[in-house]
C-alpha atoms as a PDB file:
ATOM      1  CA  MET A   1      49.907  33.792  34.865  1.00  0.00           C
ATOM      2  CA  GLN A   2      51.239  30.448  34.509  1.00  0.00           C
ATOM      3  CA  ASN A   3      52.706  29.996  31.049  1.00  0.00           C
ATOM      4  CA  SER A   4      52.064  26.133  30.641  1.00  0.00           C
ATOM      5  CA  PHE A   5      49.324  24.281  29.201  1.00  0.00           C
ATOM      6  CA  ILE A   6      48.208  20.783  28.795  1.00  0.00           C
ATOM      7  CA  ARG A   7      46.344  19.441  26.124  1.00  0.00           C
ATOM      8  CA  SER A   8      45.681  16.129  24.222  1.00  0.00           C
ATOM      9  CA  ILE A   9      47.297  15.651  21.016  1.00  0.00           C
ATOM     10  CA  ALA A  10      48.396  12.597  18.576  1.00  0.00           C
ATOM     11  CA  GLY A  11      52.074  12.006  18.952  1.00  0.00           C
ATOM     12  CA  PRO A  12      54.874  11.387  21.528  1.00  0.00           C
ATOM     13  CA  SER A  13      55.271  13.863  24.992  1.00  0.00           C
ATOM     14  CA  ARG A  14      57.609  16.662  23.713  1.00  0.00           C
ATOM     15  CA  VAL A  15      58.534  19.817  25.357  1.00  0.00           C
ATOM     16  CA  ASN A  16      58.426  23.834  23.639  1.00  0.00           C
ATOM     17  CA  ILE A  17      60.742  26.111  25.020  1.00  0.00           C
ATOM     18  CA  SER A  18      60.433  29.806  24.160  1.00  0.00           C
ATOM     19  CA  THR A  19      61.262  33.350  25.500  1.00  0.00           C
ATOM     20  CA  ASN A  20      59.016  36.089  26.922  1.00  0.00           C
ATOM     21  CA  SER A  21      59.372  39.106  24.767  1.00  0.00           C
ATOM     22  CA  SER A  22      58.465  41.293  28.021  1.00  0.00           C
ATOM     23  CA  THR A  23      60.431  39.743  30.855  1.00  0.00           C
ATOM     24  CA  GLY A  24      63.251  38.054  29.032  1.00  0.00           C
ATOM     25  CA  LYS A  25      62.546  34.852  31.068  1.00  0.00           C
ATOM     26  CA  GLN A  26      62.501  31.466  29.102  1.00  0.00           C
ATOM     27  CA  ILE A  27      58.965  29.810  28.997  1.00  0.00           C
ATOM     28  CA  CYS A  28      58.621  25.736  28.897  1.00  0.00           C
ATOM     29  CA  LYS A  29      55.561  24.342  27.413  1.00  0.00           C
ATOM     30  CA  ARG A  30      55.053  20.706  27.679  1.00  0.00           C
ATOM     31  CA  CYS A  31      52.753  19.037  25.359  1.00  0.00           C
ATOM     32  CA  PHE A  32      51.222  15.720  26.599  1.00  0.00           C
ATOM     33  CA  SER A  33      50.250  12.625  24.010  1.00  0.00           C
ATOM     34  CA  LEU A  34      47.253  10.728  25.001  1.00  0.00           C
ATOM     35  CA  SER A  35      47.175   8.455  22.012  1.00  0.00           C
ATOM     36  CA  VAL A  36      49.902   7.080  19.486  1.00  0.00           C
ATOM     37  CA  LEU A  37      51.138   8.969  16.478  1.00  0.00           C
ATOM     38  CA  ASN A  38      49.291   7.540  13.452  1.00  0.00           C
ATOM     39  CA  GLN A  39      51.521   7.777  10.260  1.00  0.00           C
ATOM     40  CA  SER A  40      49.101   8.750   7.133  1.00  0.00           C
ATOM     41  CA  GLY A  41      48.616   5.715   5.091  1.00  0.00           C
ATOM     42  CA  HIS A  42      50.510   3.098   6.819  1.00  0.00           C
ATOM     43  CA  ASN A  43      47.556   1.211   7.897  1.00  0.00           C
ATOM     44  CA  ARG A  44      45.829   1.717   4.217  1.00  0.00           C
ATOM     45  CA  TRP A  45      48.780   0.219   2.908  1.00  0.00           C
ATOM     46  CA  SER A  46      49.347  -2.597   5.044  1.00  0.00           C
ATOM     47  CA  LYS A  47      45.654  -3.809   4.105  1.00  0.00           C
ATOM     48  CA  ILE A  48      46.099  -3.107   0.621  1.00  0.00           C
ATOM     49  CA  LYS A  49      49.597  -5.047   0.364  1.00  0.00           C
ATOM     50  CA  HIS A  50      47.942  -7.999   2.792  1.00  0.00           C
ATOM     51  CA  LYS A  51      45.030  -8.355   0.249  1.00  0.00           C
ATOM     52  CA  LYS A  52      47.223  -7.889  -2.751  1.00  0.00           C
ATOM     53  CA  GLY A  53      49.298 -10.804  -1.526  1.00  0.00           C
ATOM     54  CA  ALA A  54      46.386 -12.809  -1.320  1.00  0.00           C
ATOM     55  CA  VAL A  55      45.052 -12.175  -4.745  1.00  0.00           C
ATOM     56  CA  ASP A  56      48.686 -12.608  -6.093  1.00  0.00           C
ATOM     57  CA  ARG A  57      48.844 -16.219  -4.453  1.00  0.00           C
ATOM     58  CA  GLU A  58      45.476 -17.230  -5.862  1.00  0.00           C
ATOM     59  CA  ARG A  59      46.285 -15.857  -8.903  1.00  0.00           C
ATOM     60  CA  GLY A  60      49.756 -17.976  -8.972  1.00  0.00           C
ATOM     61  CA  ALA A  61      47.902 -20.866  -7.946  1.00  0.00           C
ATOM     62  CA  LEU A  62      45.527 -20.878 -10.892  1.00  0.00           C
ATOM     63  CA  PHE A  63      48.219 -20.110 -13.564  1.00  0.00           C
ATOM     64  CA  ALA A  64      50.388 -23.429 -11.856  1.00  0.00           C
ATOM     65  CA  LYS A  65      47.185 -25.433 -12.551  1.00  0.00           C
ATOM     66  CA  LEU A  66      46.766 -24.250 -15.774  1.00  0.00           C
ATOM     67  CA  SER A  67      50.239 -24.957 -16.708  1.00  0.00           C
ATOM     68  CA  ARG A  68      50.130 -28.718 -15.297  1.00  0.00           C
ATOM     69  CA  GLU A  69      47.135 -28.954 -17.471  1.00  0.00           C
ATOM     70  CA  ILE A  70      49.014 -28.129 -20.429  1.00  0.00           C
ATOM     71  CA  ILE A  71      51.954 -30.464 -19.802  1.00  0.00           C
ATOM     72  CA  THR A  72      49.861 -33.175 -18.807  1.00  0.00           C
ATOM     73  CA  ALA A  73      47.809 -33.083 -22.341  1.00  0.00           C
ATOM     74  CA  MET A  74      51.198 -33.177 -24.124  1.00  0.00           C
ATOM     75  CA  LYS A  75      52.684 -36.341 -22.393  1.00  0.00           C
ATOM     76  CA  PRO A  76      53.454 -39.207 -24.957  1.00  0.00           C
ATOM     77  CA  PRO A  77      52.035 -40.343 -26.858  1.00  0.00           C
ATOM     78  CA  LEU A  78      49.650 -37.376 -27.129  1.00  0.00           C
ATOM     79  CA  SER A  79      50.045 -35.133 -29.948  1.00  0.00           C
ATOM     80  CA  SER A  80      51.955 -31.698 -29.191  1.00  0.00           C
ATOM     81  CA  ASP A  81      49.847 -30.501 -32.125  1.00  0.00           C
ATOM     82  CA  PRO A  82      46.231 -29.226 -30.655  1.00  0.00           C
ATOM     83  CA  SER A  83      44.873 -29.889 -33.917  1.00  0.00           C
ATOM     84  CA  PHE A  84      45.137 -33.481 -33.510  1.00  0.00           C
ATOM     85  CA  ASN A  85      44.823 -33.147 -29.583  1.00  0.00           C
ATOM     86  CA  SER A  86      41.493 -32.066 -28.348  1.00  0.00           C
ATOM     87  CA  LYS A  87      42.709 -32.127 -24.790  1.00  0.00           C
ATOM     88  CA  LEU A  88      45.517 -29.797 -25.232  1.00  0.00           C
ATOM     89  CA  ALA A  89      43.270 -27.543 -27.397  1.00  0.00           C
ATOM     90  CA  THR A  90      41.062 -27.434 -24.247  1.00  0.00           C
ATOM     91  CA  ALA A  91      43.857 -26.648 -22.086  1.00  0.00           C
ATOM     92  CA  LEU A  92      45.146 -24.127 -24.127  1.00  0.00           C
ATOM     93  CA  GLN A  93      41.763 -22.386 -24.651  1.00  0.00           C
ATOM     94  CA  ARG A  94      41.128 -22.539 -20.748  1.00  0.00           C
ATOM     95  CA  ALA A  95      44.441 -20.899 -20.391  1.00  0.00           C
ATOM     96  CA  LYS A  96      43.771 -17.937 -22.432  1.00  0.00           C
ATOM     97  CA  GLU A  97      40.563 -17.368 -20.985  1.00  0.00           C
ATOM     98  CA  GLN A  98      41.700 -17.534 -17.374  1.00  0.00           C
ATOM     99  CA  GLY A  99      44.654 -14.987 -18.187  1.00  0.00           C
ATOM    100  CA  LEU A 100      47.678 -17.167 -18.645  1.00  0.00           C
ATOM    101  CA  THR A 101      50.101 -15.146 -20.475  1.00  0.00           C
ATOM    102  CA  LYS A 102      51.546 -15.840 -23.970  1.00  0.00           C
ATOM    103  CA  GLN A 103      54.674 -16.501 -22.370  1.00  0.00           C
ATOM    104  CA  GLY A 104      53.513 -18.602 -19.499  1.00  0.00           C
ATOM    105  CA  ILE A 105      51.651 -20.871 -22.259  1.00  0.00           C
ATOM    106  CA  GLU A 106      54.908 -21.175 -24.035  1.00  0.00           C
ATOM    107  CA  ASN A 107      56.836 -22.062 -20.828  1.00  0.00           C
ATOM    108  CA  ALA A 108      54.424 -24.838 -20.029  1.00  0.00           C
ATOM    109  CA  MET A 109      54.784 -26.152 -23.653  1.00  0.00           C
ATOM    110  CA  ALA A 110      58.507 -25.913 -23.658  1.00  0.00           C
ATOM    111  CA  ARG A 111      58.732 -27.883 -20.339  1.00  0.00           C
ATOM    112  CA  ALA A 112      56.445 -30.670 -21.855  1.00  0.00           C
ATOM    113  CA  LYS A 113      58.482 -30.857 -24.866  1.00  0.00           C
ATOM    114  CA  SER A 114      61.747 -31.281 -22.605  1.00  0.00           C
ATOM    115  CA  ALA A 115      60.298 -34.055 -20.723  1.00  0.00           C
ATOM    116  CA  ALA A 116      59.221 -35.676 -24.216  1.00  0.00           C
ATOM    117  CA  ASP A 117      62.910 -35.354 -25.460  1.00  0.00           C
ATOM    118  CA  GLY A 118      64.531 -36.021 -22.528  1.00  0.00           C
ATOM    119  CA  THR A 119      66.079 -32.725 -21.709  1.00  0.00           C
ATOM    120  CA  GLY A 120      63.813 -32.411 -18.881  1.00  0.00           C
ATOM    121  CA  GLN A 121      63.987 -34.791 -15.923  1.00  0.00           C
ATOM    122  CA  ASN A 122      61.082 -36.546 -14.359  1.00  0.00           C
ATOM    123  CA  VAL A 123      61.937 -36.607 -10.135  1.00  0.00           C
ATOM    124  CA  ILE A 124      59.625 -38.123  -7.550  1.00  0.00           C
ATOM    125  CA  TYR A 125      60.246 -37.162  -3.768  1.00  0.00           C
ATOM    126  CA  GLU A 126      58.512 -39.572  -1.264  1.00  0.00           C
ATOM    127  CA  ALA A 127      57.002 -37.837   1.665  1.00  0.00           C
ATOM    128  CA  VAL A 128      54.823 -38.490   4.737  1.00  0.00           C
ATOM    129  CA  ALA A 129      52.212 -36.063   6.116  1.00  0.00           C
ATOM    130  CA  PRO A 130      51.619 -35.058   9.470  1.00  0.00           C
ATOM    131  CA  GLY A 131      50.336 -38.003  11.956  1.00  0.00           C
ATOM    132  CA  GLY A 132      51.677 -40.263   9.918  1.00  0.00           C
ATOM    133  CA  LYS A 133      49.002 -42.249   8.124  1.00  0.00           C
ATOM    134  CA  VAL A 134      49.137 -40.276   5.065  1.00  0.00           C
ATOM    135  CA  VAL A 135      51.761 -40.581   2.316  1.00  0.00           C
ATOM    136  CA  MET A 136      52.786 -38.607  -0.645  1.00  0.00           C
ATOM    137  CA  LEU A 137      54.357 -38.995  -3.795  1.00  0.00           C
ATOM    138  CA  VAL A 138      55.500 -35.568  -5.350  1.00  0.00           C
ATOM    139  CA  GLU A 139      55.990 -35.924  -8.965  1.00  0.00           C
ATOM    140  CA  CYS A 140      58.326 -33.256 -10.568  1.00  0.00           C
ATOM    141  CA  LEU A 141      59.327 -31.961 -14.091  1.00  0.00           C
ATOM    142  CA  THR A 142      62.663 -30.115 -13.637  1.00  0.00           C
ATOM    143  CA  SER A 143      65.909 -28.765 -15.115  1.00  0.00           C
ATOM    144  CA  ASN A 144      67.428 -28.566 -11.849  1.00  0.00           C
ATOM    145  CA  PRO A 145      66.628 -31.145  -9.446  1.00  0.00           C
ATOM    146  CA  ALA A 146      68.943 -29.878  -6.683  1.00  0.00           C
ATOM    147  CA  ARG A 147      66.692 -26.505  -6.632  1.00  0.00           C
ATOM    148  CA  THR A 148      63.542 -28.647  -6.483  1.00  0.00           C
ATOM    149  CA  VAL A 149      64.096 -31.032  -4.047  1.00  0.00           C
ATOM    150  CA  LYS A 150      65.169 -27.842  -1.687  1.00  0.00           C
ATOM    151  CA  ARG A 151      61.757 -26.139  -2.267  1.00  0.00           C
ATOM    152  CA  VAL A 152      60.111 -29.069  -1.823  1.00  0.00           C
ATOM    153  CA  LYS A 153      61.640 -30.250   1.297  1.00  0.00           C
ATOM    154  CA  GLU A 154      60.917 -26.514   2.733  1.00  0.00           C
ATOM    155  CA  ILE A 155      57.255 -26.736   2.085  1.00  0.00           C
ATOM    156  CA  LEU A 156      57.312 -30.148   3.889  1.00  0.00           C
ATOM    157  CA  SER A 157      59.118 -29.097   7.021  1.00  0.00           C
ATOM    158  CA  LYS A 158      57.245 -25.882   7.493  1.00  0.00           C
ATOM    159  CA  ASN A 159      53.887 -27.713   7.412  1.00  0.00           C
ATOM    160  CA  GLY A 160      54.813 -30.904   9.799  1.00  0.00           C
ATOM    161  CA  ALA A 161      55.595 -33.410   6.819  1.00  0.00           C
ATOM    162  CA  ARG A 162      58.795 -34.915   6.263  1.00  0.00           C
ATOM    163  CA  THR A 163      60.547 -36.868   2.930  1.00  0.00           C
ATOM    164  CA  SER A 164      60.487 -40.821   3.793  1.00  0.00           C
ATOM    165  CA  PRO A 165      60.634 -43.915   1.417  1.00  0.00           C
ATOM    166  CA  VAL A 166      57.080 -44.499   0.748  1.00  0.00           C
ATOM    167  CA  LEU A 167      57.221 -45.612  -3.085  1.00  0.00           C
ATOM    168  CA  PHE A 168      56.365 -49.245  -2.039  1.00  0.00           C
ATOM    169  CA  MET A 169      52.597 -48.318  -0.868  1.00  0.00           C
ATOM    170  CA  PHE A 170      51.719 -47.477  -4.505  1.00  0.00           C
ATOM    171  CA  ASN A 171      51.356 -49.610  -7.616  1.00  0.00           C
ATOM    172  CA  LYS A 172      52.433 -47.887 -10.877  1.00  0.00           C
ATOM    173  CA  GLU A 173      49.688 -48.143 -13.367  1.00  0.00           C
ATOM    174  CA  GLY A 174      48.641 -46.911 -16.913  1.00  0.00           C
ATOM    175  CA  LEU A 175      45.301 -45.135 -17.082  1.00  0.00           C
ATOM    176  CA  ILE A 176      43.631 -44.077 -20.307  1.00  0.00           C
ATOM    177  CA  THR A 177      40.545 -41.814 -20.008  1.00  0.00           C
ATOM    178  CA  LEU A 178      38.124 -41.256 -22.996  1.00  0.00           C
ATOM    179  CA  ILE A 179      34.711 -40.411 -24.284  1.00  0.00           C
ATOM    180  CA  PRO A 180      32.258 -41.832 -26.784  1.00  0.00           C
ATOM    181  CA  GLN A 181      32.285 -39.947 -29.878  1.00  0.00           C
ATOM    182  CA  PRO A 182      28.642 -38.453 -30.379  1.00  0.00           C
ATOM    183  CA  GLU A 183      28.315 -39.482 -33.828  1.00  0.00           C
ATOM    184  CA  SER A 184      29.355 -43.288 -33.337  1.00  0.00           C
ATOM    185  CA  LYS A 185      26.562 -46.270 -32.992  1.00  0.00           C
ATOM    186  CA  LEU A 186      29.462 -48.685 -31.841  1.00  0.00           C
ATOM    187  CA  ALA A 187      30.784 -46.926 -28.750  1.00  0.00           C
ATOM    188  CA  ASN A 188      29.343 -48.483 -25.266  1.00  0.00           C
ATOM    189  CA  TYR A 189      30.778 -50.208 -22.301  1.00  0.00           C
ATOM    190  CA  ASP A 190      30.649 -53.575 -23.869  1.00  0.00           C
ATOM    191  CA  HIS A 191      32.328 -52.793 -27.071  1.00  0.00           C
ATOM    192  CA  LEU A 192      35.335 -50.843 -25.261  1.00  0.00           C
ATOM    193  CA  PHE A 193      35.486 -53.522 -22.929  1.00  0.00           C
ATOM    194  CA  GLU A 194      35.976 -56.197 -24.992  1.00  0.00           C
ATOM    195  CA  ILE A 195      38.679 -54.098 -27.541  1.00  0.00           C
ATOM    196  CA  ALA A 196      40.494 -53.386 -24.148  1.00  0.00           C
ATOM    197  CA  VAL A 197      40.924 -56.465 -22.745  1.00  0.00           C
ATOM    198  CA  GLU A 198      41.699 -58.387 -25.395  1.00  0.00           C
ATOM    199  CA  ASN A 199      44.926 -55.948 -25.969  1.00  0.00           C
ATOM    200  CA  GLY A 200      46.098 -56.522 -22.561  1.00  0.00           C
ATOM    201  CA  ALA A 201      43.864 -53.803 -20.211  1.00  0.00           C
ATOM    202  CA  GLU A 202      43.434 -54.824 -16.744  1.00  0.00           C
ATOM    203  CA  ASP A 203      40.055 -53.149 -16.114  1.00  0.00           C
ATOM    204  CA  VAL A 204      37.494 -50.684 -17.642  1.00  0.00           C
ATOM    205  CA  ARG A 205      35.014 -48.296 -15.708  1.00  0.00           C
ATOM    206  CA  GLU A 206      32.094 -46.173 -16.696  1.00  0.00           C
ATOM    207  CA  ILE A 207      31.867 -42.853 -14.857  1.00  0.00           C
ATOM    208  CA  SER A 208      28.910 -40.408 -15.123  1.00  0.00           C
ATOM    209  CA  LEU A 209      30.092 -36.803 -15.465  1.00  0.00           C
ATOM    210  CA  GLU A 210      28.895 -34.372 -12.819  1.00  0.00           C
ATOM    211  CA  ASN A 211      28.023 -30.998 -13.820  1.00  0.00           C
ATOM    212  CA  GLU A 212      28.047 -31.989 -17.389  1.00  0.00           C
ATOM    213  CA  GLU A 213      24.934 -32.593 -19.593  1.00  0.00           C
ATOM    214  CA  GLU A 214      22.653 -35.267 -18.600  1.00  0.00           C
ATOM    215  CA  GLY A 215      23.871 -38.820 -19.901  1.00  0.00           C
ATOM    216  CA  SER A 216      27.531 -37.767 -20.482  1.00  0.00           C
ATOM    217  CA  ILE A 217      29.871 -40.444 -19.651  1.00  0.00           C
ATOM    218  CA  GLU A 218      33.479 -41.164 -19.574  1.00  0.00           C
ATOM    219  CA  TYR A 219      35.322 -44.457 -19.492  1.00  0.00           C
ATOM    220  CA  GLU A 220      38.791 -45.579 -17.784  1.00  0.00           C
ATOM    221  CA  ILE A 221      41.065 -47.968 -18.722  1.00  0.00           C
ATOM    222  CA  SER A 222      43.526 -49.344 -16.365  1.00  0.00           C
ATOM    223  CA  THR A 223      46.498 -51.133 -18.150  1.00  0.00           C
ATOM    224  CA  PRO A 224      49.714 -52.482 -17.076  1.00  0.00           C
ATOM    225  CA  THR A 225      52.836 -49.977 -17.658  1.00  0.00           C
ATOM    226  CA  SER A 226      53.858 -51.958 -20.528  1.00  0.00           C
ATOM    227  CA  SER A 227      50.260 -51.913 -22.500  1.00  0.00           C
ATOM    228  CA  LEU A 228      49.564 -48.008 -22.002  1.00  0.00           C
ATOM    229  CA  SER A 229      51.187 -46.661 -24.978  1.00  0.00           C
ATOM    230  CA  PRO A 230      49.875 -49.904 -27.254  1.00  0.00           C
ATOM    231  CA  ILE A 231      46.593 -49.617 -26.211  1.00  0.00           C
ATOM    232  CA  THR A 232      46.501 -45.806 -26.621  1.00  0.00           C
ATOM    233  CA  ASN A 233      47.516 -45.954 -29.982  1.00  0.00           C
ATOM    234  CA  LEU A 234      45.053 -48.286 -31.065  1.00  0.00           C
ATOM    235  CA  LEU A 235      42.475 -46.392 -29.977  1.00  0.00           C
ATOM    236  CA  SER A 236      43.413 -43.039 -31.183  1.00  0.00           C
ATOM    237  CA  ASN A 237      43.553 -44.388 -34.942  1.00  0.00           C
ATOM    238  CA  PRO A 238      41.121 -45.790 -37.128  1.00  0.00           C
ATOM    239  CA  PRO A 239      38.830 -47.492 -36.991  1.00  0.00           C
ATOM    240  CA  TYR A 240      38.384 -46.886 -33.101  1.00  0.00           C
ATOM    241  CA  SER A 241      39.137 -43.111 -33.232  1.00  0.00           C
ATOM    242  CA  SER A 242      35.697 -42.483 -34.826  1.00  0.00           C
ATOM    243  CA  ASP A 243      34.272 -44.163 -31.761  1.00  0.00           C
ATOM    244  CA  TYR A 244      36.340 -42.966 -28.900  1.00  0.00           C
ATOM    245  CA  SER A 245      37.892 -39.712 -28.140  1.00  0.00           C
ATOM    246  CA  ILE A 246      41.127 -39.993 -25.951  1.00  0.00           C
ATOM    247  CA  GLN A 247      41.358 -37.172 -23.102  1.00  0.00           C
ATOM    248  CA  SER A 248      44.175 -38.420 -21.053  1.00  0.00           C
ATOM    249  CA  SER A 249      46.778 -41.428 -21.289  1.00  0.00           C
ATOM    250  CA  ASP A 250      49.124 -41.280 -18.205  1.00  0.00           C
ATOM    251  CA  LEU A 251      51.025 -43.524 -15.815  1.00  0.00           C
ATOM    252  CA  VAL A 252      49.505 -43.011 -12.303  1.00  0.00           C
ATOM    253  CA  PHE A 253      50.303 -44.187  -8.772  1.00  0.00           C
ATOM    254  CA  VAL A 254      47.601 -46.149  -7.070  1.00  0.00           C
ATOM    255  CA  PRO A 255      47.947 -46.843  -3.404  1.00  0.00           C
ATOM    256  CA  THR A 256      47.838 -50.554  -2.405  1.00  0.00           C
ATOM    257  CA  ASP A 257      45.948 -49.591   1.032  1.00  0.00           C
ATOM    258  CA  PRO A 258      43.925 -46.656   0.636  1.00  0.00           C
ATOM    259  CA  ILE A 259      43.102 -44.168   3.607  1.00  0.00           C
ATOM    260  CA  ALA A 260      39.459 -43.598   4.262  1.00  0.00           C
ATOM    261  CA  ILE A 261      38.382 -40.110   5.090  1.00  0.00           C
ATOM    262  CA  LEU A 262      35.745 -40.280   8.056  1.00  0.00           C
ATOM    263  CA  GLY A 263      32.825 -38.323   8.644  1.00  0.00           C
ATOM    264  CA  GLU A 264      31.511 -36.922  11.836  1.00  0.00           C
ATOM    265  CA  GLY A 265      30.667 -39.626  13.975  1.00  0.00           C
ATOM    266  CA  GLU A 266      32.434 -42.569  12.538  1.00  0.00           C
ATOM    267  CA  ALA A 267      34.758 -44.736  14.120  1.00  0.00           C
ATOM    268  CA  GLN A 268      38.402 -43.455  13.341  1.00  0.00           C
ATOM    269  CA  GLY A 269      39.744 -46.942  12.891  1.00  0.00           C
ATOM    270  CA  GLU A 270      42.520 -46.629  10.174  1.00  0.00           C
ATOM    271  CA  GLY A 271      41.296 -43.642   8.468  1.00  0.00           C
ATOM    272  CA  ILE A 272      41.384 -39.710   9.026  1.00  0.00           C
ATOM    273  CA  ASN A 273      38.729 -37.027  10.051  1.00  0.00           C
ATOM    274  CA  GLU A 274      38.236 -34.478   8.153  1.00  0.00           C
ATOM    275  CA  GLU A 275      39.775 -31.984   9.761  1.00  0.00           C
ATOM    276  CA  MET A 276      43.191 -33.906   9.438  1.00  0.00           C
ATOM    277  CA  ALA A 277      42.102 -34.440   5.240  1.00  0.00           C
ATOM    278  CA  GLU A 278      42.013 -30.533   5.004  1.00  0.00           C
ATOM    279  CA  SER A 279      45.515 -30.142   6.233  1.00  0.00           C
ATOM    280  CA  ILE A 280      46.738 -32.556   3.600  1.00  0.00           C
ATOM    281  CA  PHE A 281      44.784 -31.132   0.892  1.00  0.00           C
ATOM    282  CA  ARG A 282      46.626 -27.846   2.042  1.00  0.00           C
ATOM    283  CA  ILE A 283      49.943 -29.308   1.859  1.00  0.00           C
ATOM    284  CA  VAL A 284      49.178 -30.618  -1.576  1.00  0.00           C
ATOM    285  CA  ASP A 285      48.056 -27.315  -2.898  1.00  0.00           C
ATOM    286  CA  LEU A 286      51.078 -25.619  -1.842  1.00  0.00           C
ATOM    287  CA  LEU A 287      53.348 -28.210  -3.423  1.00  0.00           C
ATOM    288  CA  GLU A 288      51.453 -28.048  -6.832  1.00  0.00           C
ATOM    289  CA  GLU A 289      51.744 -24.336  -6.733  1.00  0.00           C
ATOM    290  CA  GLU A 290      55.394 -24.565  -7.277  1.00  0.00           C
ATOM    291  CA  GLY A 291      56.318 -24.728 -10.810  1.00  0.00           C
ATOM    292  CA  ASP A 292      58.174 -27.858 -11.081  1.00  0.00           C
ATOM    293  CA  VAL A 293      55.563 -29.959  -9.399  1.00  0.00           C
ATOM    294  CA  VAL A 294      53.519 -31.725 -11.822  1.00  0.00           C
ATOM    295  CA  LYS A 295      51.140 -33.972  -9.663  1.00  0.00           C
ATOM    296  CA  VAL A 296      51.057 -34.982  -5.967  1.00  0.00           C
ATOM    297  CA  TRP A 297      49.901 -38.483  -5.244  1.00  0.00           C
ATOM    298  CA  THR A 298      48.418 -39.386  -1.948  1.00  0.00           C
ATOM    299  CA  ASN A 299      47.342 -42.705  -0.472  1.00  0.00           C
ATOM    300  CA  LEU A 300      43.754 -41.211   0.711  1.00  0.00           C
ATOM    301  CA  ASP A 301      40.748 -43.094  -0.985  1.00  0.00           C
ATOM    302  CA  ASP A 302      39.022 -41.150  -3.541  1.00  0.00           C
END
């Protein structure tokens, strides 16, 4: 009788040698594998790890966004006390609801205070996005500029962007956003426009808020950089504080020649298509996930 067999098993081909007890002869049995050995749990862990990584990245991006909201809400001349700063109170409440830890909130507030007292450095990195039409300013708040610039450059280079001087393509302005107090009988566009322009503002805009109660509006005041603080202080104190509630007061970068995002079928001209815009937004998101990045400004038309 032929003492060999062939069977289909999982695993690599292997040889088993045994001795026949009656004849004393060695018997060679070769097992042939027709499939690859599947290590138990390997694929399952890979899927879990991949899913966990995606969730962690999403969570990290959310926490970075919440931290930036806290930092922005504490920019001078806004108060660092949430009792006197409704925007900060809202940012802190949102951070708690979204799961940002107590330590994360304290770290964000510490960074904001370091900027206010001069121990943290505001740094701006300039860059050109893939395609060469869209440019970016990466505004950072950092205690270690060497570390921050290294990380920013890594993100840019991995995504087809590069550092390049583009600051001249933006104007630096002051921007104050505020809402009318519900109980005020004076608050309206004309009232605010007169106050703002008389004190050095360049423009006042009325904006209808989406996804809010019907009739909700917000005002934006554009100012020269030198007028930002005086106008903010004026509107933050009586008698105007009973008419308007300041939501933010920031220095912003406004593109001198905005690039349009063109819809399907529109002539390209000086604009970019939606696919290119999406790739730019992905780079912006990656940059803003970095802890030291406060905001990324682009020359895309809002």
